[in-house]
Amino acid sequence: MVLSEKRRWLKNRLRKVHWLYNLNMRWKSAAVKRRYFATVAYYTKKKVVKNAKQMMADQLGARLSVAIANGPIRFFYLGTDEQQDRSGILQAIARLGELTWFTQVDGSYGQMLPRASGIQRSSNAERLLDLFHELSRVGKVPNILFAQTWAAHIDPRVLGEIRERHGTVIINIAMDDRHQYWGQKVKGEWRGTYGLIPYIDLTLTSALECVDWYLKEECPAIFFPEASDPNIFRAIPNISKIHDICFVGGRYGIREEIVCALREAGISVVAYGSGWENGRLETKEVPRLFAQSKIVLGIGAIGHCSDLFALKMRDFDGPMSGSLYMTHDNPDLYQMYDVGKEIVTYCNIDECIRKAGYYITHDREREKIARAGMRRVIKEHSWDRRFKDIIEWLAECAYLARSDRPISKR
């Protein structure tokens, strides 16, 4: 039995010892929150020297102008999770220009995940250099590299090398900054998103307060919440709502508690993902599942926490599907929706059970909220809009870098 199989076996065995599993869950939750609040305190003491546009204009200058010059922009995407990336991200970027994405030598999608040996990290870096060499050979060097990665996945120095050699603008999409900003420290290097800072030009973070963290490290950053794709997630006319509630995501921590509590209360929940009885659902099947459900359940907690939240792609795919979306009362959502009128939130398991039972049996109220949520996502929270806004923002930075006009604080 290889090491990874032994770890999975041990984890499954420990899961069955409930008191030990719960103790481990509480310990992990406390560790995540302790690090998060220590980071908040650390950056509270530091000052922002420049706003993001000023930094971009000063640091990139002519290189940014070249990257977004007239003609189709060539993009490269460095991803890991194919199911996530093909649920709207890759499609939206491809509609803006020419798109190439990272593949392994055997043609499979995405970076190899890190293992104890660490060779995957260097292998990903070598492979990225090889791909750029091939693109350069045929005269198609990418103007912009979008990454969704950590320093644990790839040696970030390769991003700096690509930037210096090819002039490519390096942009990282950070969806996990509240709990993976630092990552682990290995041989004196932080392996989270922080470790990328010297080698990237811009961070798109889905945690608003983390914008401030990057700016205080003199790394341009802007708020970039997740989104959805109306060509993939949509209401399906004349389809029956055959599921009361559906949930898609791994089985662990508070997720398991909520789904099991709903079931124990007599509410039917169909669940897909690692650890659930149905296993992982193919990406192409998720939109239909959402559209066939009265309620799409969201669980916004980070890891094993019950009171520290982050925005999720479900927060946008769920409403886009035309079904009622119900999730944790994450403060971030109040910037995205009219909570209570476009989506429904809950503060604890008891409230989740109560609201689920109510909306399952009150069709008119449920559908009114679902329609309003879908309209909001279509109008404001599509991947197309997110990436178009980024290109326009970059163009404005390039223009301001070439002029003597004062740079706005946006």
Protein backbone atom coordinates (compact mmCIF):
# COMPACT_ATOMS: atom_id res chain seq x y z
CA MET A 1 0.00 0.00 0.00
CA VAL A 2 1.52 3.35 -1.09
CA LEU A 3 1.78 6.26 1.34
CA SER A 4 -1.22 8.22 -0.06
CA GLU A 5 -3.43 5.12 0.17
CA LYS A 6 -2.31 4.54 3.76
CA ARG A 7 -3.20 8.11 4.66
CA ARG A 8 -6.67 7.79 3.12
CA TRP A 9 -7.19 4.50 4.94
CA LEU A 10 -6.10 6.04 8.25
CA LYS A 11 -8.28 9.11 7.70
CA ASN A 12 -11.35 6.95 7.02
CA ARG A 13 -10.64 4.90 10.14
CA LEU A 14 -10.28 8.00 12.30
CA ARG A 15 -13.50 9.46 10.87
CA LYS A 16 -15.39 6.57 12.47
CA VAL A 17 -14.01 7.44 15.92
CA HIS A 18 -16.38 10.38 16.37
CA TRP A 19 -14.88 11.96 19.47
CA LEU A 20 -11.40 11.89 17.94
CA TYR A 21 -12.63 13.23 14.60
CA ASN A 22 -14.52 16.07 16.32
CA LEU A 23 -11.47 16.93 18.42
CA ASN A 24 -9.30 17.06 15.30
CA MET A 25 -11.91 19.20 13.53
CA ARG A 26 -12.00 21.73 16.38
CA TRP A 27 -8.21 21.88 16.50
CA LYS A 28 -7.95 22.55 12.75
CA SER A 29 -10.68 25.19 12.93
CA ALA A 30 -8.95 27.00 15.80
CA ALA A 31 -5.62 26.92 13.95
CA VAL A 32 -7.12 28.47 10.79
CA LYS A 33 -8.83 31.26 12.72
CA ARG A 34 -5.79 31.93 14.88
CA ARG A 35 -3.61 32.43 11.80
CA TYR A 36 -6.24 34.55 10.04
CA PHE A 37 -6.71 36.99 12.91
CA ALA A 38 -2.95 37.18 13.47
CA THR A 39 -2.57 38.15 9.80
CA VAL A 40 -5.27 40.80 10.11
CA ALA A 41 -3.47 42.24 13.15
CA TYR A 42 -0.11 42.14 11.35
CA TYR A 43 -1.34 44.09 8.33
CA THR A 44 -3.31 46.57 10.41
CA LYS A 45 0.04 47.99 11.52
CA LYS A 46 1.36 48.43 7.97
CA LYS A 47 0.55 51.27 5.58
CA VAL A 48 -0.46 51.25 1.94
CA VAL A 49 2.04 53.33 -0.06
CA LYS A 50 0.15 53.40 -3.40
CA ASN A 51 -3.17 52.28 -4.78
CA ALA A 52 -3.37 49.36 -7.20
CA LYS A 53 -3.54 51.43 -10.38
CA GLN A 54 -0.56 53.53 -9.38
CA MET A 55 1.45 50.39 -8.66
CA MET A 56 0.49 48.78 -11.97
CA ALA A 57 1.36 51.90 -13.94
CA ASP A 58 4.68 52.35 -12.16
CA GLN A 59 5.77 48.72 -12.14
CA LEU A 60 4.67 47.59 -15.62
CA GLY A 61 4.60 50.73 -17.76
CA ALA A 62 5.34 49.91 -21.39
CA ARG A 63 5.16 46.15 -20.79
CA LEU A 64 1.47 46.46 -19.92
CA SER A 65 0.79 48.58 -23.01
CA VAL A 66 2.37 45.94 -25.24
CA ALA A 67 0.39 43.14 -23.58
CA ILE A 68 -2.99 44.68 -24.35
CA ALA A 69 -2.15 46.38 -27.65
CA ASN A 70 -4.57 46.25 -30.57
CA GLY A 71 -5.37 42.79 -31.86
CA PRO A 72 -6.43 39.58 -30.14
CA ILE A 73 -4.82 39.11 -26.75
CA ARG A 74 -3.10 35.76 -26.27
CA PHE A 75 -3.91 34.24 -22.89
CA PHE A 76 -2.40 31.33 -20.99
CA TYR A 77 -4.19 29.67 -18.08
CA LEU A 78 -2.28 27.84 -15.36
CA GLY A 79 -4.89 25.83 -13.49
CA THR A 80 -5.26 22.66 -11.46
CA ASP A 81 -8.92 21.64 -11.10
CA GLU A 82 -10.32 20.95 -14.57
CA GLN A 83 -13.91 20.59 -13.38
CA GLN A 84 -13.77 24.00 -11.73
CA ASP A 85 -11.95 25.74 -14.55
CA ARG A 86 -14.26 24.38 -17.26
CA SER A 87 -17.38 25.56 -15.42
CA GLY A 88 -17.05 29.04 -16.91
CA ILE A 89 -13.55 30.42 -16.35
CA LEU A 90 -11.83 29.00 -19.43
CA GLN A 91 -14.85 29.70 -21.63
CA ALA A 92 -14.97 33.38 -20.63
CA ILE A 93 -11.25 33.93 -21.24
CA ALA A 94 -11.45 32.18 -24.62
CA ARG A 95 -14.16 34.61 -25.71
CA LEU A 96 -11.70 37.48 -25.14
CA GLY A 97 -8.81 36.18 -27.24
CA GLU A 98 -6.61 33.19 -28.01
CA LEU A 99 -6.36 30.78 -25.08
CA THR A 100 -3.83 28.07 -24.27
CA TRP A 101 -3.82 26.21 -20.97
CA PHE A 102 -1.37 24.19 -18.93
CA THR A 103 -1.22 20.48 -19.64
CA GLN A 104 1.10 17.79 -18.38
CA VAL A 105 3.39 15.86 -20.72
CA ASP A 106 0.74 13.15 -21.19
CA GLY A 107 -1.82 15.79 -22.24
CA SER A 108 -3.84 15.71 -19.01
CA TYR A 109 -5.11 19.01 -17.69
CA GLY A 110 -3.55 21.07 -14.94
CA GLN A 111 -0.67 21.12 -12.50
CA MET A 112 0.33 18.06 -10.55
CA LEU A 113 -0.66 18.44 -6.91
CA PRO A 114 2.19 18.68 -4.40
CA ARG A 115 3.36 15.57 -2.59
CA ALA A 116 5.84 15.00 0.21
CA SER A 117 8.74 14.51 -2.22
CA GLY A 118 8.26 18.00 -3.69
CA ILE A 119 9.23 16.90 -7.20
CA GLN A 120 5.79 17.85 -8.55
CA ARG A 121 6.51 21.51 -7.78
CA SER A 122 9.67 21.59 -9.87
CA SER A 123 8.11 19.38 -12.56
CA ASN A 124 5.23 21.86 -12.98
CA ALA A 125 7.74 24.69 -13.35
CA GLU A 126 9.80 22.82 -15.95
CA ARG A 127 6.67 21.92 -17.89
CA LEU A 128 5.48 25.55 -17.90
CA LEU A 129 8.82 26.69 -19.31
CA ASP A 130 8.61 24.01 -22.02
CA LEU A 131 5.10 25.11 -23.02
CA PHE A 132 6.19 28.75 -23.26
CA HIS A 133 9.23 27.73 -25.29
CA GLU A 134 6.97 25.97 -27.80
CA LEU A 135 4.61 28.95 -27.99
CA SER A 136 7.56 31.28 -28.49
CA ARG A 137 8.93 29.07 -31.26
CA VAL A 138 5.72 29.51 -33.28
CA GLY A 139 5.40 33.23 -32.51
CA LYS A 140 2.50 32.91 -30.07
CA VAL A 141 3.91 33.95 -26.72
CA PRO A 142 0.99 34.73 -24.36
CA ASN A 143 0.46 38.38 -23.49
CA ILE A 144 -1.24 37.53 -20.20
CA LEU A 145 -0.82 34.49 -17.98
CA PHE A 146 -3.75 33.87 -15.63
CA ALA A 147 -2.79 31.47 -12.86
CA GLN A 148 -4.77 29.92 -10.08
CA THR A 149 -1.99 28.49 -8.01
CA TRP A 150 0.05 28.59 -4.80
CA ALA A 151 3.79 28.51 -4.27
CA ALA A 152 3.26 24.93 -3.05
CA HIS A 153 2.11 23.89 -6.53
CA ILE A 154 4.84 25.48 -8.62
CA ASP A 155 8.21 27.07 -8.00
CA PRO A 156 7.16 30.72 -8.41
CA ARG A 157 10.55 31.76 -9.74
CA VAL A 158 9.49 30.30 -13.07
CA LEU A 159 6.79 32.97 -13.29
CA GLY A 160 9.44 35.64 -12.81
CA GLU A 161 11.57 34.03 -15.50
CA ILE A 162 8.66 34.01 -17.98
CA ARG A 163 7.91 37.63 -17.13
CA GLU A 164 11.50 38.71 -17.75
CA ARG A 165 12.07 36.59 -20.85
CA HIS A 166 8.77 37.12 -22.67
CA GLY A 167 7.23 40.27 -21.15
CA THR A 168 4.09 38.30 -20.23
CA VAL A 169 1.88 39.94 -17.60
CA ILE A 170 1.46 37.49 -14.70
CA ILE A 171 -1.90 37.56 -12.87
CA ASN A 172 -2.85 35.16 -10.08
CA ILE A 173 -6.47 34.41 -9.16
CA ALA A 174 -6.58 33.80 -5.40
CA MET A 175 -9.81 32.19 -4.16
CA ASP A 176 -8.48 30.90 -0.83
CA ASP A 177 -6.57 33.82 0.68
CA ARG A 178 -8.31 33.79 4.04
CA HIS A 179 -6.81 30.41 4.87
CA GLN A 180 -4.04 29.84 2.29
CA TYR A 181 -2.36 33.24 2.07
CA TRP A 182 0.73 32.05 3.93
CA GLY A 183 0.51 28.29 3.42
CA GLN A 184 3.22 26.14 4.97
CA LYS A 185 6.77 27.38 5.46
CA VAL A 186 9.27 25.06 3.81
CA LYS A 187 13.01 25.76 3.76
CA GLY A 188 12.34 29.37 4.71
CA GLU A 189 9.76 29.94 1.93
CA TRP A 190 6.03 30.44 2.37
CA ARG A 191 4.12 28.07 0.09
CA GLY A 192 0.74 29.83 -0.09
CA THR A 193 -0.21 32.78 -2.31
CA TYR A 194 2.13 35.06 -0.33
CA GLY A 195 5.09 33.18 -1.79
CA LEU A 196 4.05 34.28 -5.31
CA ILE A 197 4.20 38.02 -4.62
CA PRO A 198 7.72 38.80 -5.93
CA TYR A 199 6.99 37.01 -9.21
CA ILE A 200 3.52 38.25 -10.21
CA ASP A 201 2.17 41.55 -11.49
CA LEU A 202 -1.38 41.47 -10.12
CA THR A 203 -3.48 39.45 -7.70
CA LEU A 204 -7.23 38.98 -8.14
CA THR A 205 -8.45 38.02 -4.68
CA SER A 206 -11.96 36.97 -3.70
CA ALA A 207 -11.51 38.25 -0.12
CA LEU A 208 -11.94 42.02 0.05
CA GLU A 209 -9.71 42.62 3.09
CA CYS A 210 -6.90 40.67 1.42
CA VAL A 211 -6.60 43.38 -1.24
CA ASP A 212 -5.12 45.51 1.53
CA TRP A 213 -2.62 42.76 2.45
CA TYR A 214 -1.19 42.63 -1.05
CA LEU A 215 -1.07 46.39 -1.46
CA LYS A 216 0.90 46.66 1.77
CA GLU A 217 3.38 44.20 0.27
CA GLU A 218 3.55 46.52 -2.79
CA CYS A 219 1.78 43.95 -4.96
CA PRO A 220 -1.14 45.33 -7.03
CA ALA A 221 -4.41 43.61 -6.12
CA ILE A 222 -8.12 44.08 -6.73
CA PHE A 223 -11.28 42.42 -5.44
CA PHE A 224 -12.36 39.65 -7.79
CA PRO A 225 -15.24 37.51 -6.49
CA GLU A 226 -16.15 34.27 -8.21
CA ALA A 227 -18.91 34.24 -10.84
CA SER A 228 -20.93 31.95 -13.11
CA ASP A 229 -21.64 31.26 -16.78
CA PRO A 230 -25.23 31.55 -18.08
CA ASN A 231 -24.33 29.27 -20.98
CA ILE A 232 -23.63 26.46 -18.50
CA PHE A 233 -25.75 27.13 -15.41
CA ARG A 234 -29.30 28.13 -16.31
CA ALA A 235 -32.93 27.41 -15.63
CA ILE A 236 -34.16 24.56 -17.83
CA PRO A 237 -37.75 25.09 -19.07
CA ASN A 238 -40.30 22.40 -18.26
CA ILE A 239 -37.87 20.43 -16.09
CA SER A 240 -39.29 18.91 -12.90
CA LYS A 241 -37.85 19.79 -9.51
CA ILE A 242 -37.24 16.18 -8.52
CA HIS A 243 -34.87 16.98 -5.62
CA ASP A 244 -35.80 18.94 -2.52
CA ILE A 245 -32.19 19.93 -1.79
CA CYS A 246 -28.89 19.20 -3.52
CA PHE A 247 -25.35 19.73 -2.34
CA VAL A 248 -22.12 19.39 -4.36
CA GLY A 249 -18.82 19.37 -2.46
CA GLY A 250 -16.53 17.18 -0.39
CA ARG A 251 -17.78 15.51 2.78
CA TYR A 252 -15.97 16.87 5.83
CA GLY A 253 -16.39 19.16 8.82
CA ILE A 254 -19.45 21.37 9.03
CA ARG A 255 -20.58 20.19 5.59
CA GLU A 256 -21.18 16.70 6.88
CA GLU A 257 -22.90 18.03 10.00
CA ILE A 258 -25.35 20.20 8.03
CA VAL A 259 -26.29 17.60 5.41
CA CYS A 260 -26.72 14.87 8.02
CA ALA A 261 -28.77 17.17 10.27
CA LEU A 262 -31.12 18.00 7.39
CA ARG A 263 -31.57 14.32 6.64
CA GLU A 264 -32.20 13.48 10.28
CA ALA A 265 -34.89 16.18 10.28
CA GLY A 266 -36.66 14.30 7.49
CA ILE A 267 -35.53 16.57 4.65
CA SER A 268 -34.29 14.85 1.50
CA VAL A 269 -30.80 15.92 0.43
CA VAL A 270 -28.95 14.47 -2.55
CA ALA A 271 -25.19 15.00 -2.12
CA TYR A 272 -22.29 14.54 -4.51
CA GLY A 273 -18.58 14.88 -3.91
CA SER A 274 -15.65 13.09 -2.35
CA GLY A 275 -16.84 11.07 0.65
CA TRP A 276 -20.57 11.09 -0.17
CA GLU A 277 -22.45 7.97 -1.15
CA ASN A 278 -22.94 9.20 -4.74
CA GLY A 279 -19.28 10.10 -5.30
CA ARG A 280 -18.15 13.01 -7.43
CA LEU A 281 -20.50 14.30 -10.13
CA GLU A 282 -19.19 15.05 -13.62
CA THR A 283 -18.99 18.78 -14.33
CA LYS A 284 -21.43 18.57 -17.23
CA GLU A 285 -24.06 17.00 -14.93
CA VAL A 286 -23.92 19.66 -12.18
CA PRO A 287 -26.02 22.33 -13.98
CA ARG A 288 -28.86 19.85 -14.55
CA LEU A 289 -28.74 18.73 -10.91
CA PHE A 290 -28.98 22.37 -9.77
CA ALA A 291 -31.89 23.07 -12.14
CA GLN A 292 -33.73 19.95 -10.93
CA SER A 293 -33.52 20.97 -7.27
CA LYS A 294 -35.90 23.16 -5.32
CA ILE A 295 -32.99 24.37 -3.19
CA VAL A 296 -29.27 24.42 -3.98
CA LEU A 297 -27.49 24.21 -0.64
CA GLY A 298 -24.40 26.28 -0.08
CA ILE A 299 -21.99 25.85 2.81
CA GLY A 300 -19.77 28.90 2.98
CA ALA A 301 -17.50 27.92 5.88
CA ILE A 302 -13.76 27.54 5.36
CA GLY A 303 -12.41 24.05 5.98
CA HIS A 304 -13.52 22.74 9.35
CA CYS A 305 -14.62 26.17 10.63
CA SER A 306 -18.24 26.99 11.37
CA ASP A 307 -17.88 30.77 11.67
CA LEU A 308 -15.20 31.85 9.18
CA PHE A 309 -16.44 32.11 5.61
CA ALA A 310 -15.31 32.64 2.03
CA LEU A 311 -17.11 33.22 -1.24
CA LYS A 312 -17.60 30.06 -3.32
CA MET A 313 -18.38 29.41 -6.96
CA ARG A 314 -21.63 27.80 -5.72
CA ASP A 315 -22.66 31.27 -4.50
CA PHE A 316 -23.10 32.22 -8.15
CA ASP A 317 -23.72 28.91 -9.95
CA GLY A 318 -26.59 28.13 -7.58
CA PRO A 319 -28.66 31.27 -8.26
CA MET A 320 -27.73 31.18 -11.96
CA SER A 321 -29.47 27.79 -12.22
CA GLY A 322 -32.87 29.33 -11.46
CA SER A 323 -33.27 27.43 -8.18
CA LEU A 324 -33.40 28.90 -4.69
CA TYR A 325 -29.91 29.25 -3.26
CA MET A 326 -29.51 28.90 0.50
CA THR A 327 -26.14 29.21 2.22
CA HIS A 328 -24.30 30.44 5.32
CA ASP A 329 -24.86 34.06 6.32
CA ASN A 330 -21.49 35.15 4.97
CA PRO A 331 -21.06 38.96 5.23
CA ASP A 332 -19.40 38.96 1.78
CA LEU A 333 -22.71 37.99 0.19
CA TYR A 334 -24.33 41.27 1.19
CA GLN A 335 -22.13 43.02 -1.39
CA MET A 336 -23.30 40.59 -4.07
CA TYR A 337 -27.03 40.17 -3.37
CA ASP A 338 -30.10 41.58 -1.68
CA VAL A 339 -30.07 38.83 0.93
CA GLY A 340 -33.55 37.55 1.73
CA LYS A 341 -34.91 38.68 -1.63
CA GLU A 342 -32.40 37.13 -4.05
CA ILE A 343 -30.84 34.38 -1.95
CA VAL A 344 -31.54 32.95 1.51
CA THR A 345 -28.99 32.59 4.31
CA TYR A 346 -28.81 30.77 7.64
CA CYS A 347 -26.69 31.39 10.74
CA ASN A 348 -26.73 27.92 12.26
CA ILE A 349 -27.92 24.37 11.62
CA ASP A 350 -31.29 24.85 13.32
CA GLU A 351 -32.05 27.87 11.14
CA CYS A 352 -30.93 25.95 8.06
CA ILE A 353 -33.37 23.14 8.86
CA ARG A 354 -36.21 25.56 9.59
CA LYS A 355 -35.76 27.61 6.41
CA ALA A 356 -35.24 24.55 4.24
CA GLY A 357 -38.49 23.04 5.47
CA TYR A 358 -40.34 26.28 4.87
CA TYR A 359 -39.14 26.98 1.33
CA ILE A 360 -39.54 23.38 0.18
CA THR A 361 -43.27 23.65 0.89
CA HIS A 362 -43.84 27.29 -0.16
CA ASP A 363 -43.37 27.15 -3.90
CA ARG A 364 -44.45 30.69 -4.79
CA GLU A 365 -42.11 32.40 -2.31
CA ARG A 366 -39.26 30.07 -3.20
CA GLU A 367 -39.57 30.66 -6.94
CA LYS A 368 -39.86 34.44 -6.52
CA ILE A 369 -36.53 34.57 -4.69
CA ALA A 370 -34.95 32.13 -7.15
CA ARG A 371 -35.92 34.26 -10.16
CA ALA A 372 -34.62 37.43 -8.52
CA GLY A 373 -31.30 35.74 -7.69
CA MET A 374 -30.92 34.49 -11.25
CA ARG A 375 -31.55 37.97 -12.65
CA ARG A 376 -28.90 39.47 -10.39
CA VAL A 377 -26.24 36.92 -11.36
CA ILE A 378 -26.95 37.24 -15.08
CA LYS A 379 -26.70 41.02 -14.84
CA GLU A 380 -23.69 41.44 -12.53
CA HIS A 381 -21.91 38.18 -11.75
CA SER A 382 -20.96 36.41 -14.97
CA TRP A 383 -17.39 35.30 -15.73
CA ASP A 384 -17.60 37.27 -18.98
CA ARG A 385 -18.20 40.47 -17.05
CA ARG A 386 -15.46 39.69 -14.52
CA PHE A 387 -12.76 39.17 -17.15
CA LYS A 388 -13.90 42.03 -19.39
CA ASP A 389 -13.70 44.32 -16.36
CA ILE A 390 -10.13 43.14 -15.71
CA ILE A 391 -9.02 43.84 -19.30
CA GLU A 392 -10.63 47.29 -19.17
CA TRP A 393 -8.92 47.97 -15.84
CA LEU A 394 -5.56 46.94 -17.29
CA ALA A 395 -6.15 49.16 -20.33
CA GLU A 396 -6.84 52.12 -18.06
CA CYS A 397 -3.65 51.42 -16.12
CA ALA A 398 -1.70 51.31 -19.39
CA TYR A 399 -3.22 54.58 -20.55
CA LEU A 400 -2.47 56.31 -17.28
CA ALA A 401 1.11 55.03 -17.36
CA ARG A 402 1.60 56.79 -20.70
CA SER A 403 0.07 60.07 -19.58
CA ASP A 404 0.57 62.71 -16.93
CA ARG A 405 -3.00 62.40 -15.72
CA PRO A 406 -3.53 61.65 -12.01
CA ILE A 407 -4.40 58.03 -11.27
CA SER A 408 -7.74 57.35 -9.65
CA LYS A 409 -8.14 55.37 -6.46
CA ARG A 410 -10.34 52.68 -7.98
